[in-house]
Amino acid sequence: MKKVALTALVLALGLAACEKKTATTVDNNTVTTETTVAADTNVAVDAANSADNALDAAGAATANAAAGAANATANGLNATANAVANTAK
């Protein structure tokens, strides 16, 4: 009888220990999943910010190119006007 009671006690303790580990494992897996999701979200946000910065840089480059072309045109017109004015003297 004592052997049966001792065996039952050992089995109960073993099962209790397994259940705690299982609950801990579930908690750890949840935390790991949340951390992974947060990291993936951060990567996606960083990628979106990089794309936004690239678009801003492209827009600025386009604006600068347009301004440069306008300045070149104005300089060309001024040079033509100066040449005409100098020829007329």
N, C-alpha and C. Protein backbone atom coordinates (compact mmCIF):
# COMPACT_ATOMS: atom_id res chain seq x y z
N MET A 1 0.82 -1.19 0.00
CA MET A 1 0.00 0.00 0.00
C MET A 1 0.87 1.26 0.00
N LYS A 2 1.97 1.20 0.80
CA LYS A 2 2.85 2.36 0.85
C LYS A 2 3.50 2.58 -0.51
N LYS A 3 3.81 1.49 -1.21
CA LYS A 3 4.43 1.62 -2.53
C LYS A 3 3.47 2.27 -3.52
N VAL A 4 2.22 1.92 -3.45
CA VAL A 4 1.22 2.49 -4.34
C VAL A 4 1.05 3.98 -4.04
N ALA A 5 0.99 4.34 -2.78
CA ALA A 5 0.83 5.75 -2.39
C ALA A 5 2.06 6.55 -2.81
N LEU A 6 3.24 5.96 -2.61
CA LEU A 6 4.48 6.63 -2.99
C LEU A 6 4.55 6.80 -4.51
N THR A 7 4.16 5.76 -5.23
CA THR A 7 4.15 5.84 -6.70
C THR A 7 3.17 6.92 -7.17
N ALA A 8 1.99 6.96 -6.56
CA ALA A 8 0.99 7.97 -6.93
C ALA A 8 1.50 9.38 -6.63
N LEU A 9 2.17 9.54 -5.51
CA LEU A 9 2.72 10.83 -5.13
C LEU A 9 3.79 11.27 -6.14
N VAL A 10 4.69 10.35 -6.49
CA VAL A 10 5.74 10.68 -7.45
C VAL A 10 5.14 11.03 -8.81
N LEU A 11 4.15 10.27 -9.24
CA LEU A 11 3.48 10.58 -10.51
C LEU A 11 2.78 11.94 -10.47
N ALA A 12 2.12 12.24 -9.36
CA ALA A 12 1.42 13.52 -9.22
C ALA A 12 2.41 14.67 -9.27
N LEU A 13 3.53 14.52 -8.57
CA LEU A 13 4.55 15.57 -8.58
C LEU A 13 5.14 15.72 -9.98
N GLY A 14 5.36 14.60 -10.65
CA GLY A 14 5.90 14.65 -12.01
C GLY A 14 4.95 15.36 -12.95
N LEU A 15 3.66 15.05 -12.85
CA LEU A 15 2.67 15.72 -13.69
C LEU A 15 2.58 17.21 -13.37
N ALA A 16 2.63 17.54 -12.10
CA ALA A 16 2.58 18.94 -11.70
C ALA A 16 3.78 19.69 -12.27
N ALA A 17 4.94 19.06 -12.21
CA ALA A 17 6.14 19.70 -12.75
C ALA A 17 6.01 19.88 -14.26
N CYS A 18 5.45 18.89 -14.94
CA CYS A 18 5.27 19.00 -16.39
C CYS A 18 4.30 20.11 -16.75
N GLU A 19 3.24 20.24 -16.00
CA GLU A 19 2.26 21.29 -16.29
C GLU A 19 2.87 22.67 -16.10
N LYS A 20 3.69 22.87 -15.07
CA LYS A 20 4.33 24.16 -14.88
C LYS A 20 5.26 24.47 -16.04
N LYS A 21 6.01 23.48 -16.46
CA LYS A 21 6.93 23.72 -17.57
C LYS A 21 6.14 24.04 -18.84
N THR A 22 5.03 23.36 -19.02
CA THR A 22 4.23 23.62 -20.19
C THR A 22 3.67 25.04 -20.16
N ALA A 23 3.19 25.47 -19.01
CA ALA A 23 2.67 26.83 -18.89
C ALA A 23 3.79 27.84 -19.11
N THR A 24 4.95 27.56 -18.56
CA THR A 24 6.09 28.46 -18.74
C THR A 24 6.50 28.49 -20.20
N THR A 25 6.49 27.34 -20.84
CA THR A 25 6.85 27.27 -22.25
C THR A 25 5.86 28.08 -23.09
N VAL A 26 4.59 27.97 -22.78
CA VAL A 26 3.58 28.73 -23.50
C VAL A 26 3.82 30.23 -23.31
N ASP A 27 4.10 30.64 -22.07
CA ASP A 27 4.39 32.05 -21.81
C ASP A 27 5.62 32.51 -22.59
N ASN A 28 6.67 31.70 -22.57
CA ASN A 28 7.89 32.05 -23.29
C ASN A 28 7.64 32.13 -24.79
N ASN A 29 6.87 31.20 -25.31
CA ASN A 29 6.55 31.23 -26.74
C ASN A 29 5.74 32.47 -27.10
N THR A 30 4.84 32.87 -26.20
CA THR A 30 4.04 34.07 -26.44
C THR A 30 4.94 35.29 -26.48
N VAL A 31 5.85 35.38 -25.52
CA VAL A 31 6.77 36.52 -25.47
C VAL A 31 7.66 36.52 -26.71
N THR A 32 8.15 35.34 -27.11
CA THR A 32 8.99 35.25 -28.30
C THR A 32 8.22 35.69 -29.53
N THR A 33 6.98 35.27 -29.64
CA THR A 33 6.14 35.65 -30.79
C THR A 33 5.90 37.16 -30.79
N GLU A 34 5.60 37.72 -29.62
CA GLU A 34 5.37 39.17 -29.54
C GLU A 34 6.64 39.93 -29.91
N THR A 35 7.78 39.45 -29.45
CA THR A 35 9.05 40.11 -29.77
C THR A 35 9.33 40.02 -31.27
N THR A 36 9.05 38.87 -31.86
CA THR A 36 9.26 38.70 -33.30
C THR A 36 8.34 39.62 -34.09
N VAL A 37 7.10 39.71 -33.68
CA VAL A 37 6.14 40.58 -34.37
C VAL A 37 6.59 42.03 -34.24
N ALA A 38 7.04 42.42 -33.05
CA ALA A 38 7.51 43.80 -32.86
C ALA A 38 8.72 44.08 -33.74
N ALA A 39 9.63 43.12 -33.81
CA ALA A 39 10.82 43.30 -34.66
C ALA A 39 10.43 43.39 -36.13
N ASP A 40 9.51 42.53 -36.57
CA ASP A 40 9.05 42.58 -37.95
C ASP A 40 8.36 43.91 -38.26
N THR A 41 7.58 44.40 -37.29
CA THR A 41 6.91 45.68 -37.47
C THR A 41 7.93 46.80 -37.59
N ASN A 42 8.98 46.76 -36.74
CA ASN A 42 10.02 47.78 -36.82
C ASN A 42 10.73 47.74 -38.16
N VAL A 43 10.98 46.55 -38.68
CA VAL A 43 11.63 46.43 -39.99
C VAL A 43 10.73 47.04 -41.07
N ALA A 44 9.44 46.76 -41.00
CA ALA A 44 8.51 47.31 -41.99
C ALA A 44 8.44 48.83 -41.90
N VAL A 45 8.43 49.36 -40.68
CA VAL A 45 8.39 50.82 -40.50
C VAL A 45 9.68 51.44 -41.03
N ASP A 46 10.82 50.81 -40.73
CA ASP A 46 12.10 51.31 -41.24
C ASP A 46 12.12 51.30 -42.77
N ALA A 47 11.60 50.26 -43.37
CA ALA A 47 11.56 50.18 -44.84
C ALA A 47 10.67 51.28 -45.41
N ALA A 48 9.54 51.51 -44.77
CA ALA A 48 8.63 52.57 -45.23
C ALA A 48 9.30 53.94 -45.10
N ASN A 49 10.01 54.15 -43.99
CA ASN A 49 10.71 55.43 -43.80
C ASN A 49 11.82 55.60 -44.83
N SER A 50 12.52 54.53 -45.13
CA SER A 50 13.58 54.60 -46.15
C SER A 50 12.99 54.93 -47.51
N ALA A 51 11.88 54.31 -47.84
CA ALA A 51 11.22 54.59 -49.12
C ALA A 51 10.75 56.05 -49.16
N ASP A 52 10.21 56.53 -48.07
CA ASP A 52 9.75 57.91 -48.00
C ASP A 52 10.93 58.87 -48.17
N ASN A 53 12.06 58.56 -47.51
CA ASN A 53 13.25 59.40 -47.65
C ASN A 53 13.77 59.39 -49.09
N ALA A 54 13.72 58.23 -49.73
CA ALA A 54 14.17 58.14 -51.12
C ALA A 54 13.28 58.97 -52.04
N LEU A 55 11.97 58.93 -51.79
CA LEU A 55 11.05 59.75 -52.58
C LEU A 55 11.30 61.24 -52.36
N ASP A 56 11.56 61.61 -51.11
CA ASP A 56 11.88 63.02 -50.82
C ASP A 56 13.15 63.45 -51.54
N ALA A 57 14.16 62.59 -51.51
CA ALA A 57 15.42 62.92 -52.18
C ALA A 57 15.22 63.03 -53.69
N ALA A 58 14.43 62.13 -54.25
CA ALA A 58 14.16 62.18 -55.68
C ALA A 58 13.40 63.46 -56.04
N GLY A 59 12.44 63.83 -55.20
CA GLY A 59 11.68 65.07 -55.43
C GLY A 59 12.59 66.29 -55.37
N ALA A 60 13.49 66.29 -54.38
CA ALA A 60 14.43 67.42 -54.26
C ALA A 60 15.37 67.46 -55.45
N ALA A 61 15.84 66.31 -55.89
CA ALA A 61 16.74 66.26 -57.05
C ALA A 61 16.02 66.76 -58.31
N THR A 62 14.77 66.38 -58.46
CA THR A 62 13.99 66.84 -59.62
C THR A 62 13.78 68.35 -59.56
N ALA A 63 13.46 68.86 -58.38
CA ALA A 63 13.26 70.31 -58.22
C ALA A 63 14.56 71.05 -58.50
N ASN A 64 15.68 70.51 -58.01
CA ASN A 64 16.97 71.16 -58.26
C ASN A 64 17.33 71.12 -59.74
N ALA A 65 17.03 70.02 -60.39
CA ALA A 65 17.31 69.93 -61.83
C ALA A 65 16.46 70.92 -62.61
N ALA A 66 15.20 71.05 -62.22
CA ALA A 66 14.32 72.01 -62.90
C ALA A 66 14.81 73.43 -62.67
N ALA A 67 15.23 73.73 -61.46
CA ALA A 67 15.75 75.07 -61.17
C ALA A 67 17.03 75.32 -61.95
N GLY A 68 17.89 74.31 -62.04
CA GLY A 68 19.12 74.45 -62.83
C GLY A 68 18.83 74.70 -64.29
N ALA A 69 17.85 74.00 -64.83
CA ALA A 69 17.47 74.20 -66.24
C ALA A 69 16.91 75.60 -66.45
N ALA A 70 16.11 76.06 -65.51
CA ALA A 70 15.55 77.42 -65.62
C ALA A 70 16.66 78.46 -65.55
N ASN A 71 17.62 78.24 -64.65
CA ASN A 71 18.75 79.17 -64.55
C ASN A 71 19.59 79.16 -65.82
N ALA A 72 19.81 77.99 -66.37
CA ALA A 72 20.59 77.89 -67.61
C ALA A 72 19.88 78.62 -68.75
N THR A 73 18.56 78.46 -68.81
CA THR A 73 17.79 79.15 -69.85
C THR A 73 17.88 80.66 -69.66
N ALA A 74 17.73 81.12 -68.43
CA ALA A 74 17.81 82.55 -68.14
C ALA A 74 19.20 83.09 -68.48
N ASN A 75 20.22 82.31 -68.12
CA ASN A 75 21.59 82.74 -68.43
C ASN A 75 21.82 82.82 -69.94
N GLY A 76 21.27 81.88 -70.66
CA GLY A 76 21.38 81.89 -72.12
C GLY A 76 20.69 83.09 -72.73
N LEU A 77 19.51 83.41 -72.21
CA LEU A 77 18.78 84.57 -72.71
C LEU A 77 19.54 85.87 -72.39
N ASN A 78 20.09 85.94 -71.18
CA ASN A 78 20.88 87.12 -70.81
C ASN A 78 22.11 87.26 -71.70
N ALA A 79 22.76 86.16 -71.98
CA ALA A 79 23.94 86.20 -72.84
C ALA A 79 23.57 86.66 -74.23
N THR A 80 22.43 86.19 -74.73
CA THR A 80 21.98 86.61 -76.06
C THR A 80 21.66 88.11 -76.07
N ALA A 81 20.97 88.54 -75.02
CA ALA A 81 20.61 89.98 -74.93
C ALA A 81 21.87 90.82 -74.83
N ASN A 82 22.85 90.37 -74.06
CA ASN A 82 24.10 91.12 -73.94
C ASN A 82 24.86 91.16 -75.27
N ALA A 83 24.85 90.05 -75.97
CA ALA A 83 25.54 90.01 -77.26
C ALA A 83 24.89 90.97 -78.24
N VAL A 84 23.55 91.00 -78.26
CA VAL A 84 22.83 91.90 -79.15
C VAL A 84 23.12 93.34 -78.76
N ALA A 85 23.10 93.63 -77.46
CA ALA A 85 23.33 95.00 -76.98
C ALA A 85 24.77 95.42 -77.31
N ASN A 86 25.74 94.56 -77.16
CA ASN A 86 27.13 94.89 -77.44
C ASN A 86 27.37 95.07 -78.94
N THR A 87 26.64 94.32 -79.76
CA THR A 87 26.79 94.44 -81.20
C THR A 87 26.21 95.76 -81.67
N ALA A 88 25.14 96.21 -81.04
CA ALA A 88 24.46 97.44 -81.45
C ALA A 88 25.28 98.67 -81.08
N LYS A 89 26.27 98.57 -80.20
CA LYS A 89 27.03 99.75 -79.78
C LYS A 89 27.97 100.19 -80.82
